[in-house]
């Protein structure tokens, strides 16, 4: 049964942030860098996919922690590795969710500005 459990060394790379380039691009766009509607949609889709991935990894780790905690023979190192993994993934998930909310606000602002410009130019014509 122990072979069905992934080793903590195979999951160690997850302690590094999954998508620093994506979160950097999100921060740039949220910092008023010009962005097109298409770019905003693409970034939103990528961020939502990342959030789903992080959520799945958190749930998987919590499931492993649950199984490990009921196994008296479970090595403490495996439990500690899963705890560290969850402690790393949760803040990253929270940040991505926050950035998604901010991105939605930014997209709404840009759409509103575009609509106002359209209405203004229609009045002038």
C-alpha atoms as a PDB file:
ATOM      1  CA  UNK A   1       0.000   0.000   0.000  1.00  0.00           C
ATOM      2  CA  UNK A   2       2.914   2.340   0.673  1.00  0.00           C
ATOM      3  CA  UNK A   3       3.814   2.325  -3.011  1.00  0.00           C
ATOM      4  CA  UNK A   4       0.455   3.900  -3.925  1.00  0.00           C
ATOM      5  CA  UNK A   5       1.330   6.958  -1.880  1.00  0.00           C
ATOM      6  CA  UNK A   6       3.498   9.448  -3.785  1.00  0.00           C
ATOM      7  CA  UNK A   7       6.779  10.123  -2.064  1.00  0.00           C
ATOM      8  CA  UNK A   8       7.272  13.554  -0.556  1.00  0.00           C
ATOM      9  CA  UNK A   9      10.353  14.049  -2.747  1.00  0.00           C
ATOM     10  CA  UNK A  10       8.173  13.845  -5.888  1.00  0.00           C
ATOM     11  CA  UNK A  11       6.011  16.675  -4.517  1.00  0.00           C
ATOM     12  CA  UNK A  12       8.836  18.812  -3.146  1.00  0.00           C
ATOM     13  CA  UNK A  13       8.916  21.065  -6.241  1.00  0.00           C
ATOM     14  CA  UNK A  14       5.426  22.316  -5.359  1.00  0.00           C
ATOM     15  CA  UNK A  15       6.883  24.311  -2.471  1.00  0.00           C
ATOM     16  CA  UNK A  16       7.984  26.804  -5.131  1.00  0.00           C
ATOM     17  CA  UNK A  17       5.267  29.108  -6.467  1.00  0.00           C
ATOM     18  CA  UNK A  18       3.519  27.569  -9.469  1.00  0.00           C
ATOM     19  CA  UNK A  19       3.112  30.602 -11.663  1.00  0.00           C
ATOM     20  CA  UNK A  20       5.286  33.599 -10.805  1.00  0.00           C
ATOM     21  CA  UNK A  21       5.139  34.869 -14.420  1.00  0.00           C
ATOM     22  CA  UNK A  22       1.329  34.791 -14.362  1.00  0.00           C
ATOM     23  CA  UNK A  23       1.025  36.553 -11.017  1.00  0.00           C
ATOM     24  CA  UNK A  24       3.599  39.115 -12.179  1.00  0.00           C
ATOM     25  CA  UNK A  25       1.596  39.812 -15.336  1.00  0.00           C
ATOM     26  CA  UNK A  26      -1.584  40.108 -13.273  1.00  0.00           C
ATOM     27  CA  UNK A  27       0.086  42.625 -10.964  1.00  0.00           C
ATOM     28  CA  UNK A  28       1.342  44.634 -13.961  1.00  0.00           C
ATOM     29  CA  UNK A  29      -2.136  44.842 -15.474  1.00  0.00           C
ATOM     30  CA  UNK A  30      -3.632  45.695 -12.100  1.00  0.00           C
ATOM     31  CA  UNK A  31      -0.999  48.414 -11.726  1.00  0.00           C
ATOM     32  CA  UNK A  32      -2.635  50.285 -14.599  1.00  0.00           C
ATOM     33  CA  UNK A  33      -0.459  48.881 -17.361  1.00  0.00           C
ATOM     34  CA  UNK A  34      -2.515  49.192 -20.548  1.00  0.00           C
ATOM     35  CA  UNK A  35      -4.319  45.965 -21.437  1.00  0.00           C
ATOM     36  CA  UNK A  36      -6.793  44.914 -24.062  1.00  0.00           C
ATOM     37  CA  UNK A  37     -10.082  43.201 -23.313  1.00  0.00           C
ATOM     38  CA  UNK A  38      -8.684  40.087 -24.972  1.00  0.00           C
ATOM     39  CA  UNK A  39      -5.593  40.124 -22.757  1.00  0.00           C
ATOM     40  CA  UNK A  40      -7.746  40.584 -19.663  1.00  0.00           C
ATOM     41  CA  UNK A  41      -9.903  37.611 -20.657  1.00  0.00           C
ATOM     42  CA  UNK A  42      -6.847  35.466 -21.298  1.00  0.00           C
ATOM     43  CA  UNK A  43      -5.276  36.439 -17.975  1.00  0.00           C
ATOM     44  CA  UNK A  44      -8.556  35.761 -16.167  1.00  0.00           C
ATOM     45  CA  UNK A  45      -8.825  32.305 -17.751  1.00  0.00           C
ATOM     46  CA  UNK A  46      -5.227  31.476 -16.853  1.00  0.00           C
ATOM     47  CA  UNK A  47      -5.649  32.746 -13.288  1.00  0.00           C
ATOM     48  CA  UNK A  48      -8.858  30.775 -12.815  1.00  0.00           C
ATOM     49  CA  UNK A  49      -7.143  27.632 -14.128  1.00  0.00           C
ATOM     50  CA  UNK A  50      -4.282  28.226 -11.701  1.00  0.00           C
ATOM     51  CA  UNK A  51      -6.734  28.702  -8.829  1.00  0.00           C
ATOM     52  CA  UNK A  52      -8.443  25.399  -9.717  1.00  0.00           C
ATOM     53  CA  UNK A  53      -5.063  23.662  -9.869  1.00  0.00           C
ATOM     54  CA  UNK A  54      -3.967  25.068  -6.513  1.00  0.00           C
ATOM     55  CA  UNK A  55      -7.320  24.181  -4.930  1.00  0.00           C
ATOM     56  CA  UNK A  56      -7.015  20.604  -6.207  1.00  0.00           C
ATOM     57  CA  UNK A  57      -3.491  20.344  -4.812  1.00  0.00           C
ATOM     58  CA  UNK A  58      -4.583  21.680  -1.430  1.00  0.00           C
ATOM     59  CA  UNK A  59      -7.461  19.197  -1.327  1.00  0.00           C
ATOM     60  CA  UNK A  60      -5.147  16.343  -2.346  1.00  0.00           C
ATOM     61  CA  UNK A  61      -2.680  17.255   0.390  1.00  0.00           C
ATOM     62  CA  UNK A  62      -5.454  17.541   2.960  1.00  0.00           C
ATOM     63  CA  UNK A  63      -6.689  14.096   1.901  1.00  0.00           C
ATOM     64  CA  UNK A  64      -3.191  12.661   2.296  1.00  0.00           C
ATOM     65  CA  UNK A  65      -2.886  14.345   5.690  1.00  0.00           C
ATOM     66  CA  UNK A  66      -6.179  12.804   6.730  1.00  0.00           C
ATOM     67  CA  UNK A  67      -5.029   9.328   5.654  1.00  0.00           C
ATOM     68  CA  UNK A  68      -1.609   9.787   7.234  1.00  0.00           C
ATOM     69  CA  UNK A  69      -3.098  10.935  10.524  1.00  0.00           C
ATOM     70  CA  UNK A  70      -5.138   7.739  10.827  1.00  0.00           C
ATOM     71  CA  UNK A  71      -2.120   5.535  10.070  1.00  0.00           C
ATOM     72  CA  UNK A  72      -0.084   4.968  13.247  1.00  0.00           C
ATOM     73  CA  UNK A  73       2.838   3.723  11.130  1.00  0.00           C
ATOM     74  CA  UNK A  74       2.924   6.830   8.946  1.00  0.00           C
ATOM     75  CA  UNK A  75       6.325   8.487   9.012  1.00  0.00           C
ATOM     76  CA  UNK A  76       6.354  11.883  10.665  1.00  0.00           C
ATOM     77  CA  UNK A  77       8.433  13.202   7.775  1.00  0.00           C
ATOM     78  CA  UNK A  78       5.561  12.483   5.348  1.00  0.00           C
ATOM     79  CA  UNK A  79       3.106  14.302   7.610  1.00  0.00           C
ATOM     80  CA  UNK A  80       5.480  17.245   7.960  1.00  0.00           C
ATOM     81  CA  UNK A  81       6.019  17.385   4.180  1.00  0.00           C
ATOM     82  CA  UNK A  82       2.268  17.513   3.530  1.00  0.00           C
ATOM     83  CA  UNK A  83       1.792  20.197   6.171  1.00  0.00           C
ATOM     84  CA  UNK A  84       4.543  22.299   4.583  1.00  0.00           C
ATOM     85  CA  UNK A  85       2.963  21.773   1.182  1.00  0.00           C
ATOM     86  CA  UNK A  86      -0.437  22.995   2.389  1.00  0.00           C
ATOM     87  CA  UNK A  87       1.184  25.932   4.188  1.00  0.00           C
ATOM     88  CA  UNK A  88       2.881  26.892   0.912  1.00  0.00           C
ATOM     89  CA  UNK A  89      -0.098  26.359  -1.386  1.00  0.00           C
ATOM     90  CA  UNK A  90      -2.788  28.099   0.687  1.00  0.00           C
ATOM     91  CA  UNK A  91      -1.235  31.597   0.609  1.00  0.00           C
ATOM     92  CA  UNK A  92      -0.563  31.213  -3.112  1.00  0.00           C
ATOM     93  CA  UNK A  93      -4.202  30.197  -3.663  1.00  0.00           C
ATOM     94  CA  UNK A  94      -5.415  33.131  -1.573  1.00  0.00           C
ATOM     95  CA  UNK A  95      -3.226  35.526  -3.570  1.00  0.00           C
ATOM     96  CA  UNK A  96      -4.448  34.195  -6.918  1.00  0.00           C
ATOM     97  CA  UNK A  97      -8.082  34.456  -5.791  1.00  0.00           C
ATOM     98  CA  UNK A  98      -7.487  38.036  -4.671  1.00  0.00           C
ATOM     99  CA  UNK A  99      -5.807  38.893  -7.981  1.00  0.00           C
ATOM    100  CA  UNK A 100      -8.756  37.372  -9.867  1.00  0.00           C
ATOM    101  CA  UNK A 101     -11.153  39.629  -7.959  1.00  0.00           C
ATOM    102  CA  UNK A 102      -8.975  42.656  -8.654  1.00  0.00           C
ATOM    103  CA  UNK A 103      -8.734  41.684 -12.320  1.00  0.00           C
ATOM    104  CA  UNK A 104     -12.521  41.453 -12.566  1.00  0.00           C
ATOM    105  CA  UNK A 105     -12.757  44.964 -11.096  1.00  0.00           C
ATOM    106  CA  UNK A 106     -10.152  46.267 -13.558  1.00  0.00           C
ATOM    107  CA  UNK A 107     -11.964  44.687 -16.517  1.00  0.00           C
ATOM    108  CA  UNK A 108     -15.231  46.260 -15.380  1.00  0.00           C
ATOM    109  CA  UNK A 109     -13.537  49.681 -15.136  1.00  0.00           C
ATOM    110  CA  UNK A 110     -12.082  49.343 -18.632  1.00  0.00           C
ATOM    111  CA  UNK A 111     -15.435  48.272 -20.106  1.00  0.00           C
ATOM    112  CA  UNK A 112     -17.173  51.186 -18.397  1.00  0.00           C
ATOM    113  CA  UNK A 113     -14.591  53.653 -19.722  1.00  0.00           C
ATOM    114  CA  UNK A 114     -14.977  52.236 -23.225  1.00  0.00           C
ATOM    115  CA  UNK A 115     -18.787  52.494 -23.046  1.00  0.00           C
ATOM    116  CA  UNK A 116     -18.553  56.079 -21.824  1.00  0.00           C
ATOM    117  CA  UNK A 117     -16.228  56.978 -24.708  1.00  0.00           C
ATOM    118  CA  UNK A 118     -18.645  55.340 -27.166  1.00  0.00           C
ATOM    119  CA  UNK A 119     -21.603  57.239 -25.716  1.00  0.00           C
ATOM    120  CA  UNK A 120     -19.644  60.492 -25.778  1.00  0.00           C
ATOM    121  CA  UNK A 121     -18.591  60.059 -29.409  1.00  0.00           C
ATOM    122  CA  UNK A 122     -22.177  59.145 -30.385  1.00  0.00           C
ATOM    123  CA  UNK A 123     -23.428  62.382 -28.804  1.00  0.00           C
ATOM    124  CA  UNK A 124     -20.843  64.401 -30.713  1.00  0.00           C
ATOM    125  CA  UNK A 125     -21.721  62.819 -34.035  1.00  0.00           C
END
